[in-house]
Amino acid sequence: APLPAWLLALGLAGSVLAPGCRGAQGRLARALLRDLFANYSSALRPAEDTERALNVTLQVTLSQIIDMDERNQVLTSYLWVRQAWLDAHLAWDKDAYGGIDSIRIPSSYVWRPDIVLYNNFGGSMETNVVLRSDGHIMWDSPAITKSSCKVDVSYFPFDGQQCHLTFGSWTYNGNQIDLHNRLDTGDLTDFVENVEWEVLGMPATRNVVTYGCCSEPYPDVTYTLLLRRRASFYIFNLLLPCVMISFLAPLGFYLPADSGEKVSLGVTVLLALTVFQLLVAESMPPAESVPLIGKYYIATMTMITASTALTIFVMNIHHCGPGARPVPPWARRLILHHLARALCVCEVGESCGGPCRAPAGDTGPWDPPGEGAQPGPCPRGRCLCHHPAVLSSVGYIAGCFRRHRAAQRRAGEWKRVAKVMDRFFMWVFFVMVFLMSVLVVSNAA
């Protein structure tokens, strides 16, 4: 079939011609194209010996990483794919055509190897090929590819990924097309830096695979894209807020029990961490491996749940009523003496270095005389205090007052026990939050 006029009028590659020679060069180019494609068929593999494989050289240039979808495990990238091979049917003597060494023609007019990205969801663009006089063809085609990439988020957001880009012929086996990589690594000279991912390298390896469907070998070239996540965004937006909220949770033990906000603070912190946990879960794939920041959130939420439960327990101790039993001797000795001194929890006016005094109320001016105590002599006549009814009333009032003071003393001791336990749990949970934060940083490093 005759070639279209626009194809015959294509420009030539090489040195710039003088204005007077351009017409002659154009006629020679049209003659060259007419002679080359007179009996040419782009449907057959251009090998003079059909028993020998046609060598195809592949080179991939990574231009840009457009997106990394961790949830769907899809890498979207912008590649430049260069393929080169020898077409023995398209060679010419350049001296016979005015020194024309190369021409640019649409790629659809020549035979092309069906080299595809095996794990690709996109497609390449139709571009021209460079045809040289010795029959060598070079085809550069840009492509926006969406390739599958197995994502491991175990150390998110301090993770690194390895995405494999495997190129090979779809229908030709190794006996027909022998595919080779031009370089041992992908070209990164024109790479546009990505705000989220840092490219560490792109090594290339050639593999020969024999599939179960066929006995012939199929060569392919696999480029391994080594990526490392830039974690600064996630540190300032996900990790640091969680750390600050985690250090806020133990302060609930420092709140006075009568404020009524101890449990509310723990529940509020737990809800805040739940929101951050949901934000991380929405972007992560539903895999069995839990990301590092997810483990930190779960451990922190477990700690805050335990602290809220302990707060409720301590508040129950604090609000022991007058009818509560006295503090056991072992608890008085362990908590009110040793632990209170170690945590410097003393009453007002006491020194943390010395022994803590017993709560006020052990004795007082209203303590009635004990049984057998005799009242003092009356200076005038017969004293009314010897009257049996008066003595009975005074004894009853003194007994009530004594029981009231004893109940106050027991309630005060239980409140002091609750205060010491609050201070003890506060420091324990502070140490736990610090150790968990250090553990996350060490695993990231």
Protein backbone atom coordinates (compact mmCIF):
# COMPACT_ATOMS: atom_id res chain seq x y z
CA ALA A 1 0.00 0.00 0.00
CA PRO A 2 1.37 3.49 -0.79
CA LEU A 3 2.63 5.46 2.21
CA PRO A 4 0.82 8.66 3.17
CA ALA A 5 2.28 11.94 2.05
CA TRP A 6 2.92 13.17 5.59
CA LEU A 7 5.06 10.10 6.26
CA LEU A 8 7.15 10.70 3.13
CA ALA A 9 7.70 14.33 4.13
CA LEU A 10 9.22 13.59 7.53
CA GLY A 11 12.43 15.40 8.48
CA LEU A 12 15.82 13.73 8.61
CA ALA A 13 18.21 13.34 11.54
CA GLY A 14 21.79 14.52 11.07
CA SER A 15 23.58 17.71 10.19
CA VAL A 16 21.73 20.87 9.20
CA LEU A 17 21.56 21.25 5.46
CA ALA A 18 22.03 24.35 3.42
CA PRO A 19 18.82 25.94 2.10
CA GLY A 20 19.61 24.98 -1.48
CA CYS A 21 20.02 21.29 -0.62
CA ARG A 22 16.84 20.82 1.38
CA GLY A 23 14.70 20.07 -1.63
CA ALA A 24 17.10 17.41 -2.86
CA GLN A 25 17.30 15.84 0.58
CA GLY A 26 13.52 15.73 0.80
CA ARG A 27 13.29 13.89 -2.53
CA LEU A 28 15.96 11.44 -1.41
CA ALA A 29 14.11 10.84 1.89
CA ARG A 30 10.87 10.09 0.07
CA ALA A 31 12.71 7.72 -2.24
CA LEU A 32 14.35 6.02 0.76
CA LEU A 33 11.05 5.48 2.53
CA ARG A 34 9.43 4.21 -0.65
CA ASP A 35 12.20 1.72 -1.24
CA LEU A 36 12.37 0.55 2.39
CA PHE A 37 8.68 -0.15 2.83
CA ALA A 38 7.91 -1.38 -0.68
CA ASN A 39 7.91 -5.05 0.33
CA TYR A 40 8.14 -4.69 4.12
CA SER A 41 5.73 -6.33 6.54
CA SER A 42 5.56 -5.24 10.20
CA ALA A 43 3.78 -8.44 11.19
CA LEU A 44 6.81 -10.78 11.01
CA ARG A 45 9.84 -10.95 13.24
CA PRO A 46 12.70 -9.27 11.27
CA ALA A 47 15.29 -12.04 11.53
CA GLU A 48 17.09 -13.40 8.47
CA ASP A 49 17.59 -16.74 10.20
CA THR A 50 14.30 -17.80 11.77
CA GLU A 51 16.13 -20.37 13.92
CA ARG A 52 18.12 -17.71 15.74
CA ALA A 53 16.85 -15.37 18.45
CA LEU A 54 16.58 -11.65 17.86
CA ASN A 55 18.51 -9.62 20.43
CA VAL A 56 16.50 -6.86 22.10
CA THR A 57 18.12 -4.43 24.52
CA LEU A 58 16.03 -2.79 27.22
CA GLN A 59 16.70 0.29 29.33
CA VAL A 60 14.25 1.87 31.77
CA THR A 61 14.48 5.43 33.10
CA LEU A 62 12.45 6.33 36.18
CA SER A 63 11.14 9.85 35.77
CA GLN A 64 8.66 10.21 38.61
CA ILE A 65 6.79 8.30 41.31
CA ILE A 66 3.25 9.55 40.99
CA ASP A 67 1.58 7.62 43.79
CA MET A 68 2.05 4.69 46.12
CA ASP A 69 -1.29 3.25 47.20
CA GLU A 70 -0.42 1.09 50.20
CA ARG A 71 -3.98 -0.02 50.81
CA ASN A 72 -4.47 -1.40 47.26
CA GLN A 73 -0.73 -2.17 46.84
CA VAL A 74 -0.39 -0.32 43.54
CA LEU A 75 2.61 1.78 42.47
CA THR A 76 1.93 4.49 39.87
CA SER A 77 5.10 5.67 38.15
CA TYR A 78 6.19 7.56 35.05
CA LEU A 79 8.80 5.60 33.05
CA TRP A 80 10.79 6.07 29.87
CA VAL A 81 11.27 2.69 28.23
CA ARG A 82 13.99 2.40 25.57
CA GLN A 83 14.15 -0.69 23.37
CA ALA A 84 16.73 -1.36 20.67
CA TRP A 85 17.00 -4.18 18.12
CA LEU A 86 18.26 -4.93 14.63
CA ASP A 87 15.83 -5.07 11.73
CA ALA A 88 17.76 -6.65 8.84
CA HIS A 89 15.04 -5.72 6.34
CA LEU A 90 15.35 -1.97 6.95
CA ALA A 91 19.05 -1.43 6.23
CA TRP A 92 20.25 0.83 3.38
CA ASP A 93 23.41 2.26 1.88
CA LYS A 94 23.54 5.83 3.15
CA ASP A 95 25.88 6.90 0.31
CA ALA A 96 23.20 5.96 -2.20
CA TYR A 97 20.74 8.31 -0.50
CA GLY A 98 22.80 11.44 -0.06
CA GLY A 99 24.39 10.43 3.25
CA ILE A 100 21.12 9.98 5.12
CA ASP A 101 22.10 8.07 8.23
CA SER A 102 18.82 7.96 10.23
CA ILE A 103 15.17 8.80 9.92
CA ARG A 104 12.22 9.12 12.33
CA ILE A 105 9.08 7.24 11.47
CA PRO A 106 5.97 6.20 13.42
CA SER A 107 6.53 3.06 15.42
CA SER A 108 3.41 1.44 13.97
CA TYR A 109 5.12 1.08 10.57
CA VAL A 110 7.87 -1.23 11.81
CA TRP A 111 7.87 -4.51 13.66
CA ARG A 112 8.07 -4.01 17.43
CA PRO A 113 8.81 -6.53 20.14
CA ASP A 114 5.84 -7.04 22.42
CA ILE A 115 7.79 -6.21 25.56
CA VAL A 116 5.32 -5.45 28.34
CA LEU A 117 5.43 -4.82 32.05
CA TYR A 118 4.00 -8.04 33.45
CA ASN A 119 2.45 -6.47 36.56
CA ASN A 120 1.17 -3.38 34.75
CA PHE A 121 -2.35 -1.95 34.77
CA GLY A 122 -1.68 0.97 32.41
CA GLY A 123 -0.23 1.39 28.92
CA SER A 124 2.46 3.16 26.91
CA MET A 125 2.15 5.97 24.39
CA GLU A 126 2.62 5.70 20.62
CA THR A 127 5.88 7.43 19.63
CA ASN A 128 8.27 7.44 16.67
CA VAL A 129 11.21 5.10 16.31
CA VAL A 130 14.71 6.03 15.19
CA LEU A 131 15.74 3.91 12.21
CA ARG A 132 19.43 3.87 11.26
CA SER A 133 21.07 2.88 8.04
CA ASP A 134 22.53 -0.33 9.46
CA GLY A 135 19.04 -1.52 10.40
CA HIS A 136 19.24 -0.72 14.10
CA ILE A 137 16.03 0.60 15.56
CA MET A 138 15.72 2.52 18.82
CA TRP A 139 12.28 3.04 20.30
CA ASP A 140 11.78 5.41 23.23
CA SER A 141 8.29 5.42 24.68
CA PRO A 142 7.05 7.15 27.84
CA ALA A 143 4.55 5.22 29.92
CA ILE A 144 2.48 5.88 33.02
CA THR A 145 2.37 2.47 34.67
CA LYS A 146 0.29 1.16 37.52
CA SER A 147 2.14 -1.90 38.73
CA SER A 148 1.37 -4.20 41.62
CA CYS A 149 3.76 -3.90 44.55
CA LYS A 150 3.74 -6.04 47.66
CA VAL A 151 3.74 -3.57 50.55
CA ASP A 152 5.15 -4.49 53.96
CA VAL A 153 3.99 -1.96 56.56
CA SER A 154 5.46 -3.69 59.62
CA TYR A 155 7.66 -0.67 60.41
CA PHE A 156 5.35 2.10 59.18
CA PRO A 157 6.10 5.03 59.10
CA PHE A 158 9.82 4.08 59.17
CA ASP A 159 9.46 1.43 56.47
CA GLY A 160 11.13 0.74 53.17
CA GLN A 161 9.56 -0.97 50.15
CA GLN A 162 10.83 -3.02 47.24
CA CYS A 163 8.70 -2.81 44.09
CA HIS A 164 9.55 -5.13 41.20
CA LEU A 165 9.05 -4.02 37.59
CA THR A 166 9.34 -7.09 35.35
CA PHE A 167 9.60 -6.57 31.60
CA GLY A 168 9.39 -9.41 29.10
CA SER A 169 7.88 -10.53 25.82
CA TRP A 170 4.28 -11.61 26.01
CA THR A 171 4.25 -14.09 23.10
CA TYR A 172 7.86 -14.62 21.96
CA ASN A 173 9.95 -17.12 23.90
CA GLY A 174 13.67 -17.06 24.49
CA ASN A 175 14.37 -18.90 21.24
CA GLN A 176 12.78 -16.05 19.28
CA ILE A 177 13.64 -12.92 21.32
CA ASP A 178 16.62 -12.78 23.62
CA LEU A 179 15.98 -9.89 26.00
CA HIS A 180 18.90 -8.18 27.77
CA ASN A 181 19.24 -5.17 30.02
CA ARG A 182 21.52 -2.46 28.72
CA LEU A 183 22.74 -1.43 32.18
CA ASP A 184 22.86 -3.17 35.55
CA THR A 185 20.61 -0.51 37.04
CA GLY A 186 17.78 1.75 36.01
CA ASP A 187 18.52 5.31 34.97
CA LEU A 188 17.75 7.86 37.69
CA THR A 189 19.44 10.93 36.22
CA ASP A 190 16.15 12.62 35.32
CA PHE A 191 14.22 11.52 38.38
CA VAL A 192 11.91 14.09 39.95
CA GLU A 193 12.14 13.87 43.74
CA ASN A 194 9.05 12.59 45.51
CA VAL A 195 7.81 14.28 48.69
CA GLU A 196 6.96 10.99 50.41
CA TRP A 197 9.41 8.44 49.04
CA GLU A 198 13.18 8.46 48.66
CA VAL A 199 14.63 6.29 45.90
CA LEU A 200 17.71 4.39 47.11
CA GLY A 201 18.40 2.55 43.87
CA MET A 202 16.98 0.60 40.96
CA PRO A 203 19.10 -2.51 40.26
CA ALA A 204 18.27 -4.65 37.24
CA THR A 205 18.59 -8.42 36.86
CA ARG A 206 17.98 -10.71 33.91
CA ASN A 207 16.01 -13.89 34.58
CA VAL A 208 15.09 -16.88 32.44
CA VAL A 209 11.86 -18.48 33.57
CA THR A 210 10.19 -21.66 32.35
CA TYR A 211 6.47 -21.52 33.04
CA GLY A 212 4.24 -24.51 33.65
CA CYS A 213 2.25 -23.93 30.48
CA CYS A 214 5.21 -24.06 28.09
CA SER A 215 8.51 -25.84 27.77
CA GLU A 216 10.34 -22.90 26.16
CA PRO A 217 12.32 -20.45 28.32
CA TYR A 218 11.06 -16.89 28.66
CA PRO A 219 13.71 -14.26 29.52
CA ASP A 220 12.72 -11.13 31.40
CA VAL A 221 14.42 -8.10 32.96
CA THR A 222 13.34 -7.21 36.50
CA TYR A 223 14.01 -3.75 37.92
CA THR A 224 13.80 -3.59 41.72
CA LEU A 225 12.80 -0.14 42.89
CA LEU A 226 14.21 0.43 46.38
CA LEU A 227 12.13 2.99 48.26
CA ARG A 228 12.37 4.48 51.73
CA ARG A 229 9.54 6.50 53.23
CA ARG A 230 10.18 10.07 54.36
CA ALA A 231 8.77 9.81 57.88
CA SER A 232 8.81 13.47 58.93
CA PHE A 233 5.17 14.03 57.90
CA TYR A 234 3.94 11.05 59.91
CA ILE A 235 6.16 11.90 62.90
CA PHE A 236 4.67 15.38 63.28
CA ASN A 237 1.08 14.41 62.44
CA LEU A 238 0.64 10.94 63.92
CA LEU A 239 3.47 9.98 66.24
CA LEU A 240 4.16 13.14 68.25
CA PRO A 241 0.48 13.79 69.10
CA CYS A 242 0.21 10.22 70.34
CA VAL A 243 3.32 10.60 72.50
CA MET A 244 2.06 13.86 74.02
CA ILE A 245 -1.37 12.38 74.68
CA SER A 246 0.27 9.33 76.24
CA PHE A 247 2.27 11.51 78.65
CA LEU A 248 -0.93 13.34 79.53
CA ALA A 249 -2.71 10.16 80.63
CA PRO A 250 -0.65 9.45 83.82
CA LEU A 251 -1.38 12.96 85.05
CA GLY A 252 -4.91 11.75 85.76
CA PHE A 253 -3.50 10.14 88.89
CA TYR A 254 -2.27 13.56 90.03
CA LEU A 255 -5.72 15.12 89.88
CA PRO A 256 -7.47 15.45 93.26
CA ALA A 257 -10.01 12.73 93.79
CA ASP A 258 -12.68 15.27 94.75
CA SER A 259 -12.37 17.11 91.42
CA GLY A 260 -14.52 14.53 89.63
CA GLU A 261 -12.41 14.70 86.43
CA LYS A 262 -10.05 11.75 86.89
CA VAL A 263 -12.09 9.20 84.95
CA SER A 264 -13.19 11.81 82.38
CA LEU A 265 -9.57 12.57 81.52
CA GLY A 266 -8.75 8.91 80.93
CA VAL A 267 -11.80 8.37 78.73
CA THR A 268 -11.03 11.53 76.71
CA VAL A 269 -7.44 10.43 76.08
CA LEU A 270 -8.66 6.98 75.07
CA LEU A 271 -11.08 8.46 72.52
CA ALA A 272 -8.36 10.71 71.08
CA LEU A 273 -6.05 7.75 70.52
CA THR A 274 -8.90 5.82 68.92
CA VAL A 275 -9.28 8.60 66.33
CA PHE A 276 -5.55 8.44 65.47
CA GLN A 277 -5.75 4.65 65.27
CA LEU A 278 -8.58 4.89 62.75
CA LEU A 279 -6.59 7.35 60.63
CA VAL A 280 -3.70 4.89 60.41
CA ALA A 281 -6.00 1.93 59.72
CA GLU A 282 -7.67 3.70 56.78
CA SER A 283 -4.41 4.03 54.86
CA MET A 284 -2.94 0.61 55.65
CA PRO A 285 -3.73 -2.60 53.76
CA PRO A 286 -5.82 -5.15 55.69
CA ALA A 287 -2.87 -7.46 56.24
CA GLU A 288 -1.86 -9.68 59.13
CA SER A 289 1.22 -7.59 59.90
CA VAL A 290 0.40 -4.70 62.23
CA PRO A 291 2.42 -1.52 61.57
CA LEU A 292 4.81 -0.29 64.22
CA ILE A 293 2.79 2.84 64.94
CA GLY A 294 -0.34 0.69 65.20
CA LYS A 295 1.35 -1.47 67.84
CA TYR A 296 2.32 1.67 69.70
CA TYR A 297 -1.28 2.94 69.59
CA ILE A 298 -2.64 -0.40 70.81
CA ALA A 299 -0.10 -0.60 73.66
CA THR A 300 -0.87 2.99 74.67
CA MET A 301 -4.62 2.42 74.56
CA THR A 302 -4.19 -0.71 76.68
CA MET A 303 -2.13 1.26 79.18
CA ILE A 304 -4.73 4.06 79.34
CA THR A 305 -7.52 1.51 79.80
CA ALA A 306 -5.59 -0.03 82.70
CA SER A 307 -4.94 3.41 84.20
CA THR A 308 -8.64 4.29 84.00
CA ALA A 309 -9.56 1.02 85.72
CA LEU A 310 -6.98 1.66 88.44
CA THR A 311 -8.29 5.20 88.85
CA ILE A 312 -11.76 3.83 89.52
CA PHE A 313 -10.27 1.40 92.05
CA VAL A 314 -8.32 4.16 93.83
CA MET A 315 -11.36 6.45 93.91
CA ASN A 316 -13.32 3.67 95.55
CA ILE A 317 -10.64 3.55 98.25
CA HIS A 318 -10.64 7.31 98.59
CA HIS A 319 -14.39 7.51 99.15
CA CYS A 320 -14.53 4.89 101.89
CA GLY A 321 -17.22 6.06 104.27
CA PRO A 322 -17.22 6.24 108.07
CA GLY A 323 -18.38 2.64 108.22
CA ALA A 324 -15.22 1.32 106.57
CA ARG A 325 -12.92 -1.03 108.40
CA PRO A 326 -9.58 0.29 109.67
CA VAL A 327 -6.56 0.14 107.41
CA PRO A 328 -4.81 -3.23 107.87
CA PRO A 329 -1.50 -3.08 109.73
CA TRP A 330 0.48 -4.36 106.73
CA ALA A 331 -1.04 -1.67 104.48
CA ARG A 332 -0.35 1.01 107.11
CA ARG A 333 3.24 -0.11 107.42
CA LEU A 334 3.90 -0.64 103.68
CA ILE A 335 1.89 2.19 102.13
CA LEU A 336 1.57 4.90 104.79
CA HIS A 337 5.15 4.62 106.01
CA HIS A 338 7.60 3.12 103.50
CA LEU A 339 5.90 3.91 100.18
CA ALA A 340 4.72 7.36 101.30
CA ARG A 341 8.25 8.25 102.41
CA ALA A 342 9.73 6.96 99.13
CA LEU A 343 7.28 8.96 97.02
CA CYS A 344 7.46 12.00 99.32
CA VAL A 345 3.72 11.99 100.02
CA CYS A 346 3.29 13.65 103.41
CA GLU A 347 0.74 15.84 105.07
CA VAL A 348 1.09 19.59 105.32
CA GLY A 349 3.87 20.56 107.73
CA GLU A 350 5.61 17.20 107.55
CA SER A 351 9.10 16.59 106.22
CA CYS A 352 9.66 13.93 103.60
CA GLY A 353 12.96 13.01 105.19
CA GLY A 354 11.50 12.18 108.58
CA PRO A 355 8.74 9.83 109.62
CA CYS A 356 5.25 10.87 108.63
CA ARG A 357 2.96 11.63 111.55
CA ALA A 358 -0.25 9.81 112.09
CA PRO A 359 -3.30 11.73 110.94
CA ALA A 360 -4.70 14.26 113.38
CA GLY A 361 -7.58 13.13 115.51
CA ASP A 362 -5.96 10.39 117.58
CA THR A 363 -6.42 12.44 120.75
CA GLY A 364 -8.17 15.66 121.50
CA PRO A 365 -9.45 17.90 124.25
CA TRP A 366 -12.91 16.34 124.01
CA ASP A 367 -11.76 12.86 124.87
CA PRO A 368 -13.83 11.99 127.93
CA PRO A 369 -12.25 10.55 131.04
CA GLY A 370 -11.96 6.85 131.04
CA GLU A 371 -13.87 4.56 133.24
CA GLY A 372 -12.79 4.86 136.83
CA ALA A 373 -11.74 8.50 136.51
CA GLN A 374 -12.93 10.58 139.38
CA PRO A 375 -14.15 14.10 138.93
CA GLY A 376 -12.39 16.88 140.79
CA PRO A 377 -13.76 18.18 144.11
CA CYS A 378 -16.44 20.79 144.05
CA PRO A 379 -15.55 23.91 145.91
CA ARG A 380 -19.13 24.71 146.93
CA GLY A 381 -21.56 22.31 148.45
CA ARG A 382 -22.78 19.35 146.40
CA CYS A 383 -21.62 19.37 142.65
CA LEU A 384 -24.22 18.65 140.03
CA CYS A 385 -21.70 16.51 138.09
CA HIS A 386 -22.31 13.75 140.63
CA HIS A 387 -25.88 13.47 139.48
CA PRO A 388 -26.36 10.07 137.72
CA ALA A 389 -28.47 11.50 134.89
CA VAL A 390 -25.86 14.13 134.07
CA LEU A 391 -23.07 11.59 134.14
CA SER A 392 -25.00 9.28 131.82
CA SER A 393 -25.69 12.08 129.32
CA VAL A 394 -22.08 13.22 129.33
CA GLY A 395 -20.90 9.65 128.81
CA TYR A 396 -23.26 9.17 125.87
CA ILE A 397 -22.12 12.40 124.21
CA ALA A 398 -18.49 11.49 124.76
CA GLY A 399 -19.03 8.04 123.27
CA CYS A 400 -20.70 9.50 120.18
CA PHE A 401 -17.91 11.97 119.77
CA ARG A 402 -15.30 9.23 120.22
CA ARG A 403 -16.92 7.04 117.58
CA HIS A 404 -17.19 10.01 115.22
CA ARG A 405 -13.53 10.81 115.66
CA ALA A 406 -12.60 7.18 115.10
CA ALA A 407 -14.64 7.08 111.88
CA GLN A 408 -12.99 10.30 110.68
CA ARG A 409 -9.60 8.85 111.48
CA ARG A 410 -10.33 5.68 109.47
CA ALA A 411 -11.67 7.71 106.51
CA GLY A 412 -8.59 9.94 106.63
CA GLU A 413 -6.29 6.94 106.60
CA TRP A 414 -8.05 5.46 103.57
CA LYS A 415 -7.83 8.81 101.75
CA ARG A 416 -4.14 8.91 102.48
CA VAL A 417 -3.74 5.36 101.19
CA ALA A 418 -5.52 6.41 97.98
CA LYS A 419 -3.25 9.44 97.60
CA VAL A 420 -0.10 7.34 97.96
CA MET A 421 -1.39 4.78 95.47
CA ASP A 422 -2.26 7.57 93.01
CA ARG A 423 1.27 8.91 93.21
CA PHE A 424 2.74 5.42 92.84
CA PHE A 425 0.68 4.59 89.73
CA MET A 426 1.47 7.97 88.21
CA TRP A 427 5.22 7.30 88.24
CA VAL A 428 4.75 3.70 87.08
CA PHE A 429 2.76 4.79 84.04
CA PHE A 430 5.17 7.63 83.29
CA VAL A 431 7.99 5.09 83.13
CA MET A 432 5.89 2.81 80.92
CA VAL A 433 5.10 5.61 78.44
CA PHE A 434 8.76 6.59 78.30
CA LEU A 435 9.90 3.02 77.69
CA MET A 436 7.32 2.50 74.94
CA SER A 437 8.42 5.70 73.20
CA VAL A 438 12.07 4.68 73.39
CA LEU A 439 11.18 1.23 72.05
CA VAL A 440 9.41 2.72 69.03
CA VAL A 441 12.36 4.99 68.24
CA SER A 442 14.87 2.14 68.63
CA ASN A 443 12.88 -0.12 66.30
CA ALA A 444 12.69 2.70 63.76
CA ALA A 445 16.43 3.19 63.89
